[in-house]
């Protein structure tokens, strides 16, 4: 019988929408594994440059994401952060 490799005690970090309570994604930092359960987007504050997940179902925002997760989402899923800025209305014709 082959002995099992020792398991790490770390569990994946789960990100849940604070408004609709949907599980958005889970992230395991040691293995760099991301499981996305619902459609999400990234939102970056232009002043503090903090990035949050946006639930595409109800537009609720999670807490601030770690930089390693933001970079991983940009590389693996091609998500780019939308930044806040001055409001520029579109011209009507």
PDB file of N, CA and C in Angstrom:
ATOM      1  N   UNK A   1       0.833  -1.163   0.000  1.00  0.00           N
ATOM      2  CA  UNK A   1       0.000   0.000   0.000  1.00  0.00           C
ATOM      3  C   UNK A   1       0.887   1.239   0.000  1.00  0.00           C
ATOM      4  N   UNK A   2       0.577   2.184  -0.883  1.00  0.00           N
ATOM      5  CA  UNK A   2       1.363   3.410  -1.009  1.00  0.00           C
ATOM      6  C   UNK A   2       0.848   4.430   0.001  1.00  0.00           C
ATOM      7  N   UNK A   3       1.752   5.003   0.796  1.00  0.00           N
ATOM      8  CA  UNK A   3       1.277   6.013   1.764  1.00  0.00           C
ATOM      9  C   UNK A   3       0.846   7.285   1.044  1.00  0.00           C
ATOM     10  N   UNK A   4      -0.165   7.929   1.613  1.00  0.00           N
ATOM     11  CA  UNK A   4      -0.659   9.175   1.037  1.00  0.00           C
ATOM     12  C   UNK A   4       0.307  10.307   1.320  1.00  0.00           C
ATOM     13  N   UNK A   5       0.375  11.224   0.388  1.00  0.00           N
ATOM     14  CA  UNK A   5       1.199  12.414   0.606  1.00  0.00           C
ATOM     15  C   UNK A   5       0.536  13.250   1.702  1.00  0.00           C
ATOM     16  N   UNK A   6       1.344  13.903   2.529  1.00  0.00           N
ATOM     17  CA  UNK A   6       0.733  14.725   3.579  1.00  0.00           C
ATOM     18  C   UNK A   6      -0.089  15.850   2.969  1.00  0.00           C
ATOM     19  N   UNK A   7      -1.285  16.055   3.513  1.00  0.00           N
ATOM     20  CA  UNK A   7      -2.173  17.089   3.001  1.00  0.00           C
ATOM     21  C   UNK A   7      -1.935  18.379   3.752  1.00  0.00           C
ATOM     22  N   UNK A   8      -2.043  19.442   3.021  1.00  0.00           N
ATOM     23  CA  UNK A   8      -1.920  20.753   3.644  1.00  0.00           C
ATOM     24  C   UNK A   8      -3.231  21.086   4.340  1.00  0.00           C
ATOM     25  N   UNK A   9      -3.153  21.838   5.401  1.00  0.00           N
ATOM     26  CA  UNK A   9      -4.343  22.228   6.139  1.00  0.00           C
ATOM     27  C   UNK A   9      -5.056  23.416   5.525  1.00  0.00           C
ATOM     28  N   UNK A  10      -4.472  23.986   4.476  1.00  0.00           N
ATOM     29  CA  UNK A  10      -5.086  25.154   3.857  1.00  0.00           C
ATOM     30  C   UNK A  10      -6.310  24.752   3.051  1.00  0.00           C
ATOM     31  N   UNK A  11      -7.351  25.541   3.167  1.00  0.00           N
ATOM     32  CA  UNK A  11      -8.548  25.336   2.369  1.00  0.00           C
ATOM     33  C   UNK A  11      -8.650  26.477   1.370  1.00  0.00           C
ATOM     34  N   UNK A  12      -9.356  26.242   0.282  1.00  0.00           N
ATOM     35  CA  UNK A  12      -9.510  27.336  -0.687  1.00  0.00           C
ATOM     36  C   UNK A  12     -10.293  28.498  -0.078  1.00  0.00           C
ATOM     37  N   UNK A  13     -10.001  29.687  -0.555  1.00  0.00           N
ATOM     38  CA  UNK A  13     -10.744  30.878  -0.153  1.00  0.00           C
ATOM     39  C   UNK A  13     -11.991  30.954  -1.010  1.00  0.00           C
ATOM     40  N   UNK A  14     -13.139  31.114  -0.381  1.00  0.00           N
ATOM     41  CA  UNK A  14     -14.406  31.215  -1.100  1.00  0.00           C
ATOM     42  C   UNK A  14     -14.849  32.662  -1.103  1.00  0.00           C
ATOM     43  N   UNK A  15     -15.311  33.120  -2.256  1.00  0.00           N
ATOM     44  CA  UNK A  15     -15.815  34.477  -2.390  1.00  0.00           C
ATOM     45  C   UNK A  15     -17.307  34.395  -2.703  1.00  0.00           C
ATOM     46  N   UNK A  16     -18.111  35.047  -1.864  1.00  0.00           N
ATOM     47  CA  UNK A  16     -19.567  34.996  -1.940  1.00  0.00           C
ATOM     48  C   UNK A  16     -20.083  36.412  -2.135  1.00  0.00           C
ATOM     49  N   UNK A  17     -21.103  36.562  -2.978  1.00  0.00           N
ATOM     50  CA  UNK A  17     -21.724  37.864  -3.180  1.00  0.00           C
ATOM     51  C   UNK A  17     -22.442  38.266  -1.892  1.00  0.00           C
ATOM     52  N   UNK A  18     -22.169  39.462  -1.371  1.00  0.00           N
ATOM     53  CA  UNK A  18     -22.817  39.871  -0.126  1.00  0.00           C
ATOM     54  C   UNK A  18     -24.302  40.195  -0.301  1.00  0.00           C
ATOM     55  N   UNK A  19     -24.754  40.412  -1.523  1.00  0.00           N
ATOM     56  CA  UNK A  19     -26.164  40.778  -1.753  1.00  0.00           C
ATOM     57  C   UNK A  19     -27.043  39.552  -1.993  1.00  0.00           C
ATOM     58  N   UNK A  20     -26.697  38.741  -2.989  1.00  0.00           N
ATOM     59  CA  UNK A  20     -27.551  37.604  -3.347  1.00  0.00           C
ATOM     60  C   UNK A  20     -27.035  36.277  -2.782  1.00  0.00           C
ATOM     61  N   UNK A  21     -25.888  36.272  -2.153  1.00  0.00           N
ATOM     62  CA  UNK A  21     -25.307  35.112  -1.467  1.00  0.00           C
ATOM     63  C   UNK A  21     -24.957  33.955  -2.406  1.00  0.00           C
ATOM     64  N   UNK A  22     -24.679  34.247  -3.671  1.00  0.00           N
ATOM     65  CA  UNK A  22     -24.196  33.221  -4.596  1.00  0.00           C
ATOM     66  C   UNK A  22     -22.701  33.020  -4.387  1.00  0.00           C
ATOM     67  N   UNK A  23     -22.257  31.765  -4.481  1.00  0.00           N
ATOM     68  CA  UNK A  23     -20.828  31.496  -4.465  1.00  0.00           C
ATOM     69  C   UNK A  23     -20.265  31.922  -5.818  1.00  0.00           C
ATOM     70  N   UNK A  24     -19.333  32.865  -5.807  1.00  0.00           N
ATOM     71  CA  UNK A  24     -18.789  33.379  -7.057  1.00  0.00           C
ATOM     72  C   UNK A  24     -17.592  32.572  -7.512  1.00  0.00           C
ATOM     73  N   UNK A  25     -16.623  32.385  -6.639  1.00  0.00           N
ATOM     74  CA  UNK A  25     -15.465  31.574  -7.002  1.00  0.00           C
ATOM     75  C   UNK A  25     -14.742  31.102  -5.765  1.00  0.00           C
ATOM     76  N   UNK A  26     -13.906  30.087  -5.970  1.00  0.00           N
ATOM     77  CA  UNK A  26     -13.011  29.631  -4.910  1.00  0.00           C
ATOM     78  C   UNK A  26     -11.595  29.673  -5.457  1.00  0.00           C
ATOM     79  N   UNK A  27     -10.661  29.978  -4.576  1.00  0.00           N
ATOM     80  CA  UNK A  27      -9.262  30.140  -4.972  1.00  0.00           C
ATOM     81  C   UNK A  27      -8.377  29.437  -3.968  1.00  0.00           C
ATOM     82  N   UNK A  28      -7.502  28.569  -4.469  1.00  0.00           N
ATOM     83  CA  UNK A  28      -6.545  27.858  -3.637  1.00  0.00           C
ATOM     84  C   UNK A  28      -5.165  28.442  -3.919  1.00  0.00           C
ATOM     85  N   UNK A  29      -4.652  29.308  -3.037  1.00  0.00           N
ATOM     86  CA  UNK A  29      -3.377  29.983  -3.310  1.00  0.00           C
ATOM     87  C   UNK A  29      -2.179  29.065  -3.530  1.00  0.00           C
ATOM     88  N   UNK A  30      -1.994  27.978  -2.750  1.00  0.00           N
ATOM     89  CA  UNK A  30      -0.788  27.167  -2.988  1.00  0.00           C
ATOM     90  C   UNK A  30      -0.751  26.503  -4.363  1.00  0.00           C
ATOM     91  N   UNK A  31      -1.904  26.077  -4.863  1.00  0.00           N
ATOM     92  CA  UNK A  31      -1.918  25.390  -6.158  1.00  0.00           C
ATOM     93  C   UNK A  31      -2.322  26.307  -7.307  1.00  0.00           C
ATOM     94  N   UNK A  32      -2.684  27.564  -7.004  1.00  0.00           N
ATOM     95  CA  UNK A  32      -3.117  28.544  -8.008  1.00  0.00           C
ATOM     96  C   UNK A  32      -4.314  28.022  -8.802  1.00  0.00           C
ATOM     97  N   UNK A  33      -5.257  27.380  -8.103  1.00  0.00           N
ATOM     98  CA  UNK A  33      -6.465  26.851  -8.716  1.00  0.00           C
ATOM     99  C   UNK A  33      -7.621  27.806  -8.471  1.00  0.00           C
ATOM    100  N   UNK A  34      -8.359  28.123  -9.536  1.00  0.00           N
ATOM    101  CA  UNK A  34      -9.535  28.979  -9.435  1.00  0.00           C
ATOM    102  C   UNK A  34     -10.717  28.232 -10.031  1.00  0.00           C
ATOM    103  N   UNK A  35     -11.803  28.122  -9.262  1.00  0.00           N
ATOM    104  CA  UNK A  35     -13.049  27.549  -9.746  1.00  0.00           C
ATOM    105  C   UNK A  35     -14.087  28.659  -9.739  1.00  0.00           C
ATOM    106  N   UNK A  36     -14.607  29.002 -10.917  1.00  0.00           N
ATOM    107  CA  UNK A  36     -15.592  30.069 -11.036  1.00  0.00           C
ATOM    108  C   UNK A  36     -16.977  29.434 -11.138  1.00  0.00           C
ATOM    109  N   UNK A  37     -17.892  29.853 -10.259  1.00  0.00           N
ATOM    110  CA  UNK A  37     -19.223  29.273 -10.217  1.00  0.00           C
ATOM    111  C   UNK A  37     -20.273  30.132 -10.917  1.00  0.00           C
ATOM    112  N   UNK A  38     -20.071  31.432 -10.970  1.00  0.00           N
ATOM    113  CA  UNK A  38     -21.008  32.343 -11.623  1.00  0.00           C
ATOM    114  C   UNK A  38     -20.219  33.407 -12.361  1.00  0.00           C
ATOM    115  N   UNK A  39     -20.901  34.131 -13.227  1.00  0.00           N
ATOM    116  CA  UNK A  39     -20.235  35.192 -13.984  1.00  0.00           C
ATOM    117  C   UNK A  39     -19.840  36.322 -13.049  1.00  0.00           C
ATOM    118  N   UNK A  40     -18.599  36.745 -13.195  1.00  0.00           N
ATOM    119  CA  UNK A  40     -18.072  37.827 -12.365  1.00  0.00           C
ATOM    120  C   UNK A  40     -17.316  38.815 -13.240  1.00  0.00           C
ATOM    121  N   UNK A  41     -17.078  39.960 -12.694  1.00  0.00           N
ATOM    122  CA  UNK A  41     -16.258  40.976 -13.322  1.00  0.00           C
ATOM    123  C   UNK A  41     -15.354  41.575 -12.255  1.00  0.00           C
ATOM    124  N   UNK A  42     -14.358  42.316 -12.678  1.00  0.00           N
ATOM    125  CA  UNK A  42     -13.468  43.001 -11.740  1.00  0.00           C
ATOM    126  C   UNK A  42     -13.766  44.488 -11.781  1.00  0.00           C
ATOM    127  N   UNK A  43     -13.692  45.110 -10.635  1.00  0.00           N
ATOM    128  CA  UNK A  43     -13.880  46.555 -10.520  1.00  0.00           C
ATOM    129  C   UNK A  43     -12.735  47.121  -9.701  1.00  0.00           C
ATOM    130  N   UNK A  44     -12.060  48.151 -10.235  1.00  0.00           N
ATOM    131  CA  UNK A  44     -10.911  48.760  -9.553  1.00  0.00           C
ATOM    132  C   UNK A  44     -11.230  50.203  -9.209  1.00  0.00           C
ATOM    133  N   UNK A  45     -10.982  50.563  -7.968  1.00  0.00           N
ATOM    134  CA  UNK A  45     -11.156  51.944  -7.526  1.00  0.00           C
ATOM    135  C   UNK A  45      -9.970  52.750  -8.044  1.00  0.00           C
ATOM    136  N   UNK A  46     -10.242  53.866  -8.708  1.00  0.00           N
ATOM    137  CA  UNK A  46      -9.161  54.620  -9.346  1.00  0.00           C
ATOM    138  C   UNK A  46      -8.280  55.341  -8.335  1.00  0.00           C
ATOM    139  N   UNK A  47      -8.771  55.579  -7.135  1.00  0.00           N
ATOM    140  CA  UNK A  47      -7.958  56.291  -6.148  1.00  0.00           C
ATOM    141  C   UNK A  47      -7.095  55.342  -5.318  1.00  0.00           C
ATOM    142  N   UNK A  48      -7.690  54.273  -4.830  1.00  0.00           N
ATOM    143  CA  UNK A  48      -6.944  53.348  -3.972  1.00  0.00           C
ATOM    144  C   UNK A  48      -6.380  52.163  -4.739  1.00  0.00           C
ATOM    145  N   UNK A  49      -6.850  51.936  -5.960  1.00  0.00           N
ATOM    146  CA  UNK A  49      -6.442  50.807  -6.812  1.00  0.00           C
ATOM    147  C   UNK A  49      -6.750  49.461  -6.171  1.00  0.00           C
ATOM    148  N   UNK A  50      -7.767  49.421  -5.315  1.00  0.00           N
ATOM    149  CA  UNK A  50      -8.234  48.165  -4.753  1.00  0.00           C
ATOM    150  C   UNK A  50      -9.196  47.524  -5.753  1.00  0.00           C
ATOM    151  N   UNK A  51      -9.084  46.216  -5.934  1.00  0.00           N
ATOM    152  CA  UNK A  51      -9.903  45.501  -6.907  1.00  0.00           C
ATOM    153  C   UNK A  51     -10.892  44.613  -6.156  1.00  0.00           C
ATOM    154  N   UNK A  52     -12.133  44.614  -6.629  1.00  0.00           N
ATOM    155  CA  UNK A  52     -13.202  43.813  -6.036  1.00  0.00           C
ATOM    156  C   UNK A  52     -13.871  42.987  -7.128  1.00  0.00           C
ATOM    157  N   UNK A  53     -14.523  41.882  -6.720  1.00  0.00           N
ATOM    158  CA  UNK A  53     -15.324  41.093  -7.641  1.00  0.00           C
ATOM    159  C   UNK A  53     -16.721  41.686  -7.715  1.00  0.00           C
ATOM    160  N   UNK A  54     -17.286  41.721  -8.911  1.00  0.00           N
ATOM    161  CA  UNK A  54     -18.643  42.176  -9.117  1.00  0.00           C
ATOM    162  C   UNK A  54     -19.472  40.976  -9.576  1.00  0.00           C
ATOM    163  N   UNK A  55     -20.549  40.698  -8.871  1.00  0.00           N
ATOM    164  CA  UNK A  55     -21.479  39.633  -9.249  1.00  0.00           C
ATOM    165  C   UNK A  55     -22.290  40.121 -10.442  1.00  0.00           C
ATOM    166  N   UNK A  56     -22.285  39.386 -11.539  1.00  0.00           N
ATOM    167  CA  UNK A  56     -23.021  39.801 -12.722  1.00  0.00           C
ATOM    168  C   UNK A  56     -24.519  39.543 -12.599  1.00  0.00           C
ATOM    169  N   UNK A  57     -24.922  38.804 -11.571  1.00  0.00           N
ATOM    170  CA  UNK A  57     -26.344  38.534 -11.361  1.00  0.00           C
ATOM    171  C   UNK A  57     -27.050  39.731 -10.727  1.00  0.00           C
ATOM    172  N   UNK A  58     -26.435  40.290  -9.661  1.00  0.00           N
ATOM    173  CA  UNK A  58     -27.105  41.378  -8.942  1.00  0.00           C
ATOM    174  C   UNK A  58     -26.244  42.633  -8.820  1.00  0.00           C
ATOM    175  N   UNK A  59     -25.016  42.595  -9.351  1.00  0.00           N
ATOM    176  CA  UNK A  59     -24.063  43.704  -9.307  1.00  0.00           C
ATOM    177  C   UNK A  59     -23.573  44.026  -7.897  1.00  0.00           C
ATOM    178  N   UNK A  60     -23.603  43.036  -7.015  1.00  0.00           N
ATOM    179  CA  UNK A  60     -23.038  43.200  -5.678  1.00  0.00           C
ATOM    180  C   UNK A  60     -21.525  43.075  -5.745  1.00  0.00           C
ATOM    181  N   UNK A  61     -20.823  43.776  -4.865  1.00  0.00           N
ATOM    182  CA  UNK A  61     -19.351  43.764  -4.861  1.00  0.00           C
ATOM    183  C   UNK A  61     -18.836  43.082  -3.600  1.00  0.00           C
ATOM    184  N   UNK A  62     -17.809  42.260  -3.768  1.00  0.00           N
ATOM    185  CA  UNK A  62     -17.183  41.594  -2.631  1.00  0.00           C
ATOM    186  C   UNK A  62     -16.173  42.530  -1.985  1.00  0.00           C
ATOM    187  N   UNK A  63     -15.466  42.004  -1.014  1.00  0.00           N
ATOM    188  CA  UNK A  63     -14.384  42.752  -0.392  1.00  0.00           C
ATOM    189  C   UNK A  63     -13.201  42.855  -1.338  1.00  0.00           C
ATOM    190  N   UNK A  64     -12.168  43.511  -0.887  1.00  0.00           N
ATOM    191  CA  UNK A  64     -10.963  43.719  -1.694  1.00  0.00           C
ATOM    192  C   UNK A  64     -10.261  42.379  -1.921  1.00  0.00           C
ATOM    193  N   UNK A  65      -9.849  42.142  -3.167  1.00  0.00           N
ATOM    194  CA  UNK A  65      -9.170  40.905  -3.537  1.00  0.00           C
ATOM    195  C   UNK A  65      -7.664  41.036  -3.364  1.00  0.00           C
ATOM    196  N   UNK A  66      -6.984  39.935  -3.023  1.00  0.00           N
ATOM    197  CA  UNK A  66      -5.519  39.957  -2.983  1.00  0.00           C
ATOM    198  C   UNK A  66      -4.941  40.144  -4.389  1.00  0.00           C
ATOM    199  N   UNK A  67      -3.792  40.780  -4.456  1.00  0.00           N
ATOM    200  CA  UNK A  67      -3.153  41.046  -5.753  1.00  0.00           C
ATOM    201  C   UNK A  67      -2.842  39.769  -6.524  1.00  0.00           C
ATOM    202  N   UNK A  68      -2.471  38.691  -5.822  1.00  0.00           N
ATOM    203  CA  UNK A  68      -2.151  37.434  -6.505  1.00  0.00           C
ATOM    204  C   UNK A  68      -3.378  36.871  -7.215  1.00  0.00           C
ATOM    205  N   UNK A  69      -4.549  36.971  -6.593  1.00  0.00           N
ATOM    206  CA  UNK A  69      -5.774  36.489  -7.230  1.00  0.00           C
ATOM    207  C   UNK A  69      -6.159  37.356  -8.415  1.00  0.00           C
ATOM    208  N   UNK A  70      -6.008  38.660  -8.293  1.00  0.00           N
ATOM    209  CA  UNK A  70      -6.330  39.569  -9.399  1.00  0.00           C
ATOM    210  C   UNK A  70      -5.457  39.257 -10.597  1.00  0.00           C
ATOM    211  N   UNK A  71      -4.182  39.066 -10.366  1.00  0.00           N
ATOM    212  CA  UNK A  71      -3.261  38.742 -11.465  1.00  0.00           C
ATOM    213  C   UNK A  71      -3.619  37.410 -12.111  1.00  0.00           C
ATOM    214  N   UNK A  72      -3.984  36.431 -11.291  1.00  0.00           N
ATOM    215  CA  UNK A  72      -4.365  35.117 -11.807  1.00  0.00           C
ATOM    216  C   UNK A  72      -5.643  35.199 -12.649  1.00  0.00           C
ATOM    217  N   UNK A  73      -6.617  35.979 -12.215  1.00  0.00           N
ATOM    218  CA  UNK A  73      -7.850  36.148 -12.985  1.00  0.00           C
ATOM    219  C   UNK A  73      -7.591  36.867 -14.300  1.00  0.00           C
ATOM    220  N   UNK A  74      -6.666  37.793 -14.298  1.00  0.00           N
ATOM    221  CA  UNK A  74      -6.335  38.504 -15.537  1.00  0.00           C
ATOM    222  C   UNK A  74      -5.642  37.592 -16.528  1.00  0.00           C
ATOM    223  N   UNK A  75      -4.761  36.730 -16.046  1.00  0.00           N
ATOM    224  CA  UNK A  75      -4.004  35.841 -16.935  1.00  0.00           C
ATOM    225  C   UNK A  75      -4.865  34.684 -17.432  1.00  0.00           C
ATOM    226  N   UNK A  76      -5.549  33.999 -16.514  1.00  0.00           N
ATOM    227  CA  UNK A  76      -6.295  32.790 -16.884  1.00  0.00           C
ATOM    228  C   UNK A  76      -7.606  33.076 -17.595  1.00  0.00           C
ATOM    229  N   UNK A  77      -8.334  34.094 -17.141  1.00  0.00           N
ATOM    230  CA  UNK A  77      -9.667  34.340 -17.677  1.00  0.00           C
ATOM    231  C   UNK A  77      -9.764  35.602 -18.516  1.00  0.00           C
ATOM    232  N   UNK A  78      -8.701  36.374 -18.599  1.00  0.00           N
ATOM    233  CA  UNK A  78      -8.709  37.584 -19.402  1.00  0.00           C
ATOM    234  C   UNK A  78      -9.577  38.691 -18.832  1.00  0.00           C
ATOM    235  N   UNK A  79      -9.820  38.650 -17.519  1.00  0.00           N
ATOM    236  CA  UNK A  79     -10.635  39.693 -16.901  1.00  0.00           C
ATOM    237  C   UNK A  79      -9.797  40.946 -16.714  1.00  0.00           C
ATOM    238  N   UNK A  80     -10.328  42.061 -17.116  1.00  0.00           N
ATOM    239  CA  UNK A  80      -9.653  43.324 -16.882  1.00  0.00           C
ATOM    240  C   UNK A  80     -10.531  44.151 -15.961  1.00  0.00           C
ATOM    241  N   UNK A  81      -9.908  44.919 -15.116  1.00  0.00           N
ATOM    242  CA  UNK A  81     -10.652  45.691 -14.123  1.00  0.00           C
ATOM    243  C   UNK A  81     -11.192  46.962 -14.752  1.00  0.00           C
ATOM    244  N   UNK A  82     -12.459  47.206 -14.522  1.00  0.00           N
ATOM    245  CA  UNK A  82     -13.058  48.479 -14.899  1.00  0.00           C
ATOM    246  C   UNK A  82     -12.721  49.474 -13.802  1.00  0.00           C
ATOM    247  N   UNK A  83     -12.340  50.666 -14.182  1.00  0.00           N
ATOM    248  CA  UNK A  83     -11.980  51.664 -13.190  1.00  0.00           C
ATOM    249  C   UNK A  83     -13.073  52.718 -13.102  1.00  0.00           C
ATOM    250  N   UNK A  84     -13.155  53.300 -11.929  1.00  0.00           N
ATOM    251  CA  UNK A  84     -14.092  54.400 -11.780  1.00  0.00           C
ATOM    252  C   UNK A  84     -13.431  55.655 -12.299  1.00  0.00           C
ATOM    253  N   UNK A  85     -14.183  56.562 -12.742  1.00  0.00           N
ATOM    254  CA  UNK A  85     -13.631  57.800 -13.259  1.00  0.00           C
ATOM    255  C   UNK A  85     -14.726  58.827 -13.369  1.00  0.00           C
ATOM    256  N   UNK A  86     -14.407  59.975 -13.911  1.00  0.00           N
ATOM    257  CA  UNK A  86     -15.438  61.003 -14.053  1.00  0.00           C
ATOM    258  C   UNK A  86     -16.510  60.526 -15.028  1.00  0.00           C
ATOM    259  N   UNK A  87     -17.734  60.866 -14.726  1.00  0.00           N
ATOM    260  CA  UNK A  87     -18.857  60.471 -15.569  1.00  0.00           C
ATOM    261  C   UNK A  87     -18.848  61.276 -16.852  1.00  0.00           C
ATOM    262  N   UNK A  88     -18.886  60.586 -17.986  1.00  0.00           N
ATOM    263  CA  UNK A  88     -18.915  61.239 -19.282  1.00  0.00           C
ATOM    264  C   UNK A  88     -20.145  60.764 -20.035  1.00  0.00           C
ATOM    265  N   UNK A  89     -21.204  61.549 -20.047  1.00  0.00           N
ATOM    266  CA  UNK A  89     -22.408  61.102 -20.750  1.00  0.00           C
ATOM    267  C   UNK A  89     -22.161  61.029 -22.251  1.00  0.00           C
ATOM    268  N   UNK A  90     -22.844  60.107 -22.882  1.00  0.00           N
ATOM    269  CA  UNK A  90     -22.700  59.976 -24.340  1.00  0.00           C
ATOM    270  C   UNK A  90     -23.533  61.060 -25.014  1.00  0.00           C
ATOM    271  N   UNK A  91     -23.047  61.529 -26.117  1.00  0.00           N
ATOM    272  CA  UNK A  91     -23.740  62.595 -26.853  1.00  0.00           C
ATOM    273  C   UNK A  91     -24.956  62.009 -27.565  1.00  0.00           C
ATOM    274  N   UNK A  92     -26.074  62.687 -27.481  1.00  0.00           N
ATOM    275  CA  UNK A  92     -27.281  62.254 -28.182  1.00  0.00           C
ATOM    276  C   UNK A  92     -27.332  62.914 -29.557  1.00  0.00           C
ATOM    277  N   UNK A  93     -27.863  62.179 -30.495  1.00  0.00           N
ATOM    278  CA  UNK A  93     -27.978  62.700 -31.857  1.00  0.00           C
ATOM    279  C   UNK A  93     -29.409  62.879 -32.220  1.00  0.00           C
TER     280      UNK A  93
END
